[in-house]
């Protein structure tokens, strides 16, 4: 059974054809489209389908932001996505639109052990709910409810919950960002690619730092990758501090999510940033922040933590969802 899967982001829209009856679980056809060059997801789907003469049974698209009744207003893009319109473009009877982190959560069950890097083994025999947190362009979160025999993923918008500072420096950071964003400061303002830039901007002002001209040029491009590279190479002490704070915040919010989901089955780190900074995540800062929950420390010590290092997990999850028998007709 061939299905169409989509992983839609503010930067790129990825579409792929899967046959999940195949043991390889690899995309047969895959294309990436720069999202901002198109006026809608329907336009991308129309172009993709016109290039490939293939009959499909169903489709699923993972999109950033809340989804209700098959409709979503895409975060960071001026698009409204509706399942019925996509069904017409893809020429399939059944189309689902789900949150992108829910799609990634559906993909976890199809991964192999070598698709993960273990940060905390915890209790390897633990069962129960799991949680997924993914820093990238934004901060996505999802839960995986354990029903006694299988995991049932569901979406949430926890990345937009309020940031909670833990010391004087972080209080100053909160005040700085509250002024920048006219009040509310979410975890996404810190634990994301743009969050790296926000932290760096704050530290430049807070430390009254004199930066090399080349570094200032990178900063002007709002380039989180440049900050990460400088931190990983040790070439900029301010970038090192930025990444250290980012990792600390990642650990703190991951444990917040673990407690809210009662994620005794484990916490998964997805998104594009975590696989690139594995060595930094293995340092004490992440786990110290993760475990710093007072009386709940023993519970969190037993919680397995794994980084997803396989690319395309959200696409794989969207394909898995599209293959389920409970998709409603969108025609």
Protein backbone atom coordinates (compact mmCIF):
# COMPACT_ATOMS: atom_id res chain seq x y z
CA UNK A 1 0.00 0.00 0.00
CA UNK A 2 1.59 3.25 -1.13
CA UNK A 3 0.89 6.44 0.82
CA UNK A 4 1.89 10.08 0.55
CA UNK A 5 3.58 11.61 3.58
CA UNK A 6 4.41 15.25 4.23
CA UNK A 7 6.59 16.96 6.83
CA UNK A 8 5.84 20.65 6.50
CA UNK A 9 8.01 23.33 8.08
CA UNK A 10 8.49 27.06 7.88
CA UNK A 11 11.69 26.56 5.89
CA UNK A 12 11.09 23.36 3.91
CA UNK A 13 8.18 21.16 2.91
CA UNK A 14 9.20 17.52 2.47
CA UNK A 15 6.98 15.08 0.59
CA UNK A 16 7.59 11.38 0.11
CA UNK A 17 5.96 8.19 -1.12
CA UNK A 18 6.22 5.18 1.19
CA UNK A 19 5.21 1.56 0.97
CA UNK A 20 5.12 0.48 4.61
CA UNK A 21 4.56 -3.13 3.62
CA UNK A 22 8.17 -3.08 2.51
CA UNK A 23 10.66 -4.15 5.19
CA UNK A 24 13.04 -1.32 4.20
CA UNK A 25 10.71 1.43 5.46
CA UNK A 26 12.49 3.89 3.22
CA UNK A 27 10.87 6.50 0.98
CA UNK A 28 10.51 5.32 -2.61
CA UNK A 29 10.29 8.93 -3.84
CA UNK A 30 11.17 12.05 -1.84
CA UNK A 31 11.40 15.74 -2.65
CA UNK A 32 12.06 18.90 -0.67
CA UNK A 33 10.47 22.23 -1.53
CA UNK A 34 11.43 25.65 -0.09
CA UNK A 35 8.18 26.54 1.67
CA UNK A 36 8.34 30.32 1.26
CA UNK A 37 8.57 30.06 -2.53
CA UNK A 38 5.01 28.72 -2.68
CA UNK A 39 1.68 30.32 -1.88
CA UNK A 40 0.17 27.19 -0.35
CA UNK A 41 0.76 23.55 0.48
CA UNK A 42 -1.79 22.64 -2.21
CA UNK A 43 0.51 24.21 -4.81
CA UNK A 44 3.42 22.03 -3.63
CA UNK A 45 1.30 18.86 -3.60
CA UNK A 46 0.00 19.61 -7.09
CA UNK A 47 3.55 20.02 -8.40
CA UNK A 48 4.75 16.85 -6.66
CA UNK A 49 1.88 14.71 -7.94
CA UNK A 50 2.26 16.06 -11.49
CA UNK A 51 5.87 14.84 -11.47
CA UNK A 52 5.04 11.30 -10.39
CA UNK A 53 2.49 9.08 -12.09
CA UNK A 54 1.40 7.03 -9.10
CA UNK A 55 -1.88 5.90 -7.53
CA UNK A 56 -2.20 6.43 -3.80
CA UNK A 57 -4.65 5.21 -1.21
CA UNK A 58 -4.19 7.87 1.45
CA UNK A 59 -2.02 10.75 2.63
CA UNK A 60 -0.98 12.45 5.85
CA UNK A 61 0.72 15.80 6.40
CA UNK A 62 2.44 16.83 9.62
CA UNK A 63 2.25 20.60 10.05
CA UNK A 64 3.49 23.04 12.72
CA UNK A 65 0.79 24.46 14.96
CA UNK A 66 -2.56 23.38 16.37
CA UNK A 67 -4.77 21.24 14.14
CA UNK A 68 -8.54 21.05 14.52
CA UNK A 69 -10.91 19.07 12.32
CA UNK A 70 -8.29 18.66 9.61
CA UNK A 71 -7.53 22.38 9.43
CA UNK A 72 -4.45 24.32 10.55
CA UNK A 73 -3.00 27.79 10.25
CA UNK A 74 0.68 27.12 9.73
CA UNK A 75 3.17 28.58 12.19
CA UNK A 76 5.68 30.91 10.47
CA UNK A 77 3.91 30.70 7.09
CA UNK A 78 0.86 32.56 5.72
CA UNK A 79 -0.86 29.27 4.87
CA UNK A 80 -4.13 27.68 5.86
CA UNK A 81 -4.06 23.91 5.34
CA UNK A 82 -7.27 21.89 4.99
CA UNK A 83 -7.48 18.15 4.49
CA UNK A 84 -10.31 18.33 1.96
CA UNK A 85 -8.36 20.66 -0.35
CA UNK A 86 -5.25 18.48 -0.11
CA UNK A 87 -7.30 15.38 -0.96
CA UNK A 88 -8.36 17.01 -4.21
CA UNK A 89 -4.78 17.90 -5.17
CA UNK A 90 -3.38 14.48 -4.23
CA UNK A 91 -6.30 12.64 -5.86
CA UNK A 92 -6.82 10.42 -2.81
CA UNK A 93 -9.94 9.65 -0.81
CA UNK A 94 -8.41 9.91 2.64
CA UNK A 95 -6.15 12.70 3.91
CA UNK A 96 -5.14 13.53 7.44
CA UNK A 97 -3.57 16.76 8.70
CA UNK A 98 -1.85 16.33 12.07
CA UNK A 99 0.63 18.28 14.16
CA UNK A 100 4.24 17.80 13.05
CA UNK A 101 5.38 16.55 16.46
CA UNK A 102 2.53 14.07 16.56
CA UNK A 103 3.78 12.85 13.17
CA UNK A 104 7.29 12.46 14.56
CA UNK A 105 5.90 10.60 17.57
CA UNK A 106 4.14 8.13 15.25
CA UNK A 107 7.50 7.53 13.58
CA UNK A 108 9.30 6.57 16.79
CA UNK A 109 7.67 3.13 16.86
CA UNK A 110 9.23 2.27 13.49
CA UNK A 111 12.81 3.17 14.44
CA UNK A 112 15.66 0.77 15.19
CA UNK A 113 17.93 0.93 18.27
CA UNK A 114 20.76 2.48 16.26
CA UNK A 115 18.45 5.37 15.32
CA UNK A 116 18.92 6.72 18.87
CA UNK A 117 21.75 8.04 21.02
CA UNK A 118 21.19 7.37 24.72
CA UNK A 119 21.75 10.29 27.10
CA UNK A 120 20.37 8.56 30.18
CA UNK A 121 19.71 4.79 30.25
CA UNK A 122 17.38 5.16 33.23
CA UNK A 123 15.46 1.99 33.91
CA UNK A 124 15.59 0.13 30.57
CA UNK A 125 12.60 -2.00 31.60
CA UNK A 126 10.36 0.97 32.38
CA UNK A 127 6.95 1.12 30.81
CA UNK A 128 4.36 3.86 30.76
CA UNK A 129 3.83 7.09 28.86
CA UNK A 130 6.63 8.68 26.87
CA UNK A 131 7.28 12.27 25.80
CA UNK A 132 8.85 13.92 22.75
CA UNK A 133 10.47 17.35 22.75
CA UNK A 134 12.10 18.77 19.63
CA UNK A 135 14.03 22.01 19.25
CA UNK A 136 14.41 23.32 15.72
CA UNK A 137 12.85 26.34 14.08
CA UNK A 138 10.42 26.21 17.02
CA UNK A 139 9.97 24.02 20.09
CA UNK A 140 7.60 21.14 19.43
CA UNK A 141 6.26 18.78 22.05
CA UNK A 142 4.07 15.68 22.02
CA UNK A 143 3.01 12.86 24.28
CA UNK A 144 2.82 9.11 23.71
CA UNK A 145 0.11 7.57 25.88
CA UNK A 146 0.76 3.95 26.87
CA UNK A 147 -2.52 1.99 26.73
CA UNK A 148 -1.02 -1.20 28.11
CA UNK A 149 -0.03 -2.70 24.79
CA UNK A 150 0.92 0.16 22.46
CA UNK A 151 1.75 3.87 22.30
CA UNK A 152 -0.85 6.37 21.11
CA UNK A 153 0.74 9.71 20.18
CA UNK A 154 -1.00 13.01 20.71
CA UNK A 155 -0.04 16.62 20.07
CA UNK A 156 0.37 19.47 22.53
CA UNK A 157 1.54 23.08 22.39
CA UNK A 158 3.71 22.98 25.52
CA UNK A 159 6.53 24.88 23.85
CA UNK A 160 4.42 28.01 24.24
CA UNK A 161 4.13 27.65 28.02
CA UNK A 162 5.83 30.34 30.09
CA UNK A 163 9.58 30.22 30.64
CA UNK A 164 10.53 29.77 34.31
CA UNK A 165 13.87 31.36 35.34
CA UNK A 166 15.88 29.60 38.03
CA UNK A 167 18.53 32.15 39.08
CA UNK A 168 19.47 35.84 38.87
CA UNK A 169 20.98 35.60 35.37
CA UNK A 170 17.86 33.90 34.05
CA UNK A 171 15.64 36.51 35.72
CA UNK A 172 17.58 39.17 33.83
CA UNK A 173 17.13 37.14 30.63
CA UNK A 174 13.37 36.95 31.23
CA UNK A 175 13.16 40.72 31.70
CA UNK A 176 15.20 41.30 28.53
CA UNK A 177 13.01 39.04 26.41
CA UNK A 178 9.77 40.29 27.95
CA UNK A 179 10.67 43.71 26.64
CA UNK A 180 11.60 42.30 23.22
CA UNK A 181 8.40 40.27 22.87
CA UNK A 182 5.98 42.64 24.58
CA UNK A 183 5.27 40.52 27.63
CA UNK A 184 4.96 36.77 27.35
CA UNK A 185 8.18 34.75 27.06
CA UNK A 186 7.69 31.11 26.17
CA UNK A 187 10.15 28.24 26.30
CA UNK A 188 10.20 28.36 22.50
CA UNK A 189 11.85 31.79 22.69
CA UNK A 190 14.86 30.03 24.24
CA UNK A 191 14.90 26.37 23.24
CA UNK A 192 14.96 26.70 19.44
CA UNK A 193 17.19 28.04 16.67
CA UNK A 194 15.86 31.59 17.15
CA UNK A 195 16.22 30.96 20.89
CA UNK A 196 19.99 30.59 20.48
CA UNK A 197 20.04 34.03 18.86
CA UNK A 198 17.87 35.47 21.66
CA UNK A 199 20.18 34.11 24.35
CA UNK A 200 23.24 35.38 22.50
CA UNK A 201 21.72 38.86 22.06
CA UNK A 202 21.01 39.01 25.77
CA UNK A 203 24.52 37.95 26.75
CA UNK A 204 26.09 40.52 24.41
CA UNK A 205 24.23 43.25 26.29
CA UNK A 206 24.49 41.68 29.75
CA UNK A 207 28.24 41.04 29.50
CA UNK A 208 28.93 44.26 27.54
CA UNK A 209 30.97 42.08 25.22
CA UNK A 210 33.31 43.31 22.49
CA UNK A 211 32.96 40.88 19.60
CA UNK A 212 35.19 40.26 16.57
CA UNK A 213 33.90 41.91 13.37
CA UNK A 214 33.35 38.57 11.65
CA UNK A 215 31.32 37.32 14.57
CA UNK A 216 29.17 40.46 14.54
CA UNK A 217 28.44 39.88 10.85
CA UNK A 218 27.24 36.34 11.62
CA UNK A 219 25.10 37.71 14.43
CA UNK A 220 23.53 40.25 12.10
CA UNK A 221 22.38 37.37 9.94
CA UNK A 222 20.57 35.94 12.97
CA UNK A 223 22.42 32.71 12.32
CA UNK A 224 21.99 30.14 15.13
CA UNK A 225 24.20 27.69 13.23
CA UNK A 226 27.09 30.18 13.34
CA UNK A 227 26.64 30.55 17.11
CA UNK A 228 26.63 26.77 17.53
CA UNK A 229 29.73 26.33 15.35
CA UNK A 230 31.63 28.98 17.31
CA UNK A 231 30.59 27.35 20.58
CA UNK A 232 31.54 23.82 19.48
CA UNK A 233 34.96 25.01 18.28
CA UNK A 234 35.55 27.06 21.42
CA UNK A 235 36.33 30.08 19.27
CA UNK A 236 33.97 32.44 21.10
CA UNK A 237 33.47 32.35 24.87
CA UNK A 238 30.13 34.14 24.57
CA UNK A 239 28.90 31.49 22.13
CA UNK A 240 30.06 28.78 24.53
CA UNK A 241 28.01 30.40 27.29
CA UNK A 242 25.05 30.74 24.92
CA UNK A 243 25.07 27.05 24.03
CA UNK A 244 25.57 26.04 27.67
CA UNK A 245 22.49 28.04 28.66
CA UNK A 246 20.52 26.62 25.73
CA UNK A 247 21.38 23.06 26.82
CA UNK A 248 20.47 23.85 30.43
CA UNK A 249 17.09 25.20 29.32
CA UNK A 250 16.56 22.16 27.09
CA UNK A 251 17.12 19.86 30.07
CA UNK A 252 14.87 21.88 32.37
CA UNK A 253 11.94 21.95 29.93
CA UNK A 254 12.41 18.30 28.96
CA UNK A 255 11.95 17.34 32.60
CA UNK A 256 8.93 19.66 32.92
CA UNK A 257 7.37 17.74 30.04
CA UNK A 258 8.40 14.39 31.51
CA UNK A 259 6.63 15.21 34.79
CA UNK A 260 3.49 16.50 33.11
CA UNK A 261 3.25 13.41 30.91
CA UNK A 262 4.40 11.05 33.70
CA UNK A 263 6.84 9.82 31.07
CA UNK A 264 8.24 6.78 32.87
CA UNK A 265 8.58 5.11 29.47
CA UNK A 266 11.16 7.67 28.41
CA UNK A 267 11.81 11.09 26.90
CA UNK A 268 12.84 11.49 23.27
CA UNK A 269 14.71 14.50 21.89
CA UNK A 270 13.85 15.16 18.25
CA UNK A 271 14.32 18.12 15.94
CA UNK A 272 17.34 19.28 14.01
CA UNK A 273 19.48 20.73 16.81
CA UNK A 274 19.97 17.85 19.26
CA UNK A 275 21.76 15.47 16.83
CA UNK A 276 24.27 18.24 16.02
CA UNK A 277 25.21 18.90 19.65
CA UNK A 278 25.31 15.36 21.07
CA UNK A 279 28.70 15.95 22.71
CA UNK A 280 27.38 19.04 24.52
CA UNK A 281 24.20 17.25 25.61
CA UNK A 282 26.38 14.54 27.16
CA UNK A 283 28.04 17.06 29.46
CA UNK A 284 26.63 17.44 32.99
CA UNK A 285 24.56 20.61 32.33
CA UNK A 286 21.69 18.89 30.52
CA UNK A 287 21.20 16.11 33.07
CA UNK A 288 21.72 18.41 36.05
CA UNK A 289 18.91 20.65 34.81
CA UNK A 290 16.75 17.63 33.92
CA UNK A 291 17.10 16.14 37.40
CA UNK A 292 16.73 19.40 39.33
CA UNK A 293 13.13 18.81 40.36
CA UNK A 294 13.45 18.31 44.11
CA UNK A 295 11.45 15.34 45.37
CA UNK A 296 10.89 14.07 41.84
CA UNK A 297 14.60 13.49 41.22
CA UNK A 298 14.44 9.68 41.75
CA UNK A 299 11.58 9.42 39.25
CA UNK A 300 13.56 11.38 36.66
CA UNK A 301 16.77 9.42 37.29
CA UNK A 302 14.87 6.29 36.21
CA UNK A 303 13.58 7.98 33.03
CA UNK A 304 15.38 6.89 29.84
CA UNK A 305 16.40 9.80 27.58
CA UNK A 306 17.21 9.21 23.90
CA UNK A 307 18.11 11.55 21.03
CA UNK A 308 16.54 10.64 17.68
CA UNK A 309 19.33 10.74 15.11
CA UNK A 310 17.48 9.27 12.13
CA UNK A 311 16.51 11.91 9.60
CA UNK A 312 12.97 11.84 8.27
CA UNK A 313 11.29 10.40 11.36
CA UNK A 314 8.35 12.81 10.99
CA UNK A 315 7.89 11.73 7.35
CA UNK A 316 7.98 8.10 8.40
CA UNK A 317 5.43 8.83 11.12
CA UNK A 318 3.12 10.65 8.72
CA UNK A 319 3.31 7.63 6.41
CA UNK A 320 2.46 5.33 9.31
CA UNK A 321 -0.52 7.46 10.22
CA UNK A 322 -1.68 7.54 6.60
CA UNK A 323 -1.60 3.74 6.57
CA UNK A 324 -3.94 3.43 9.56
CA UNK A 325 -7.43 2.19 8.88
CA UNK A 326 -9.21 4.91 10.89
CA UNK A 327 -8.56 7.87 8.59
CA UNK A 328 -11.78 9.57 7.65
CA UNK A 329 -12.66 10.32 4.05
CA UNK A 330 -11.72 13.87 3.09
CA UNK A 331 -13.53 13.93 -0.25
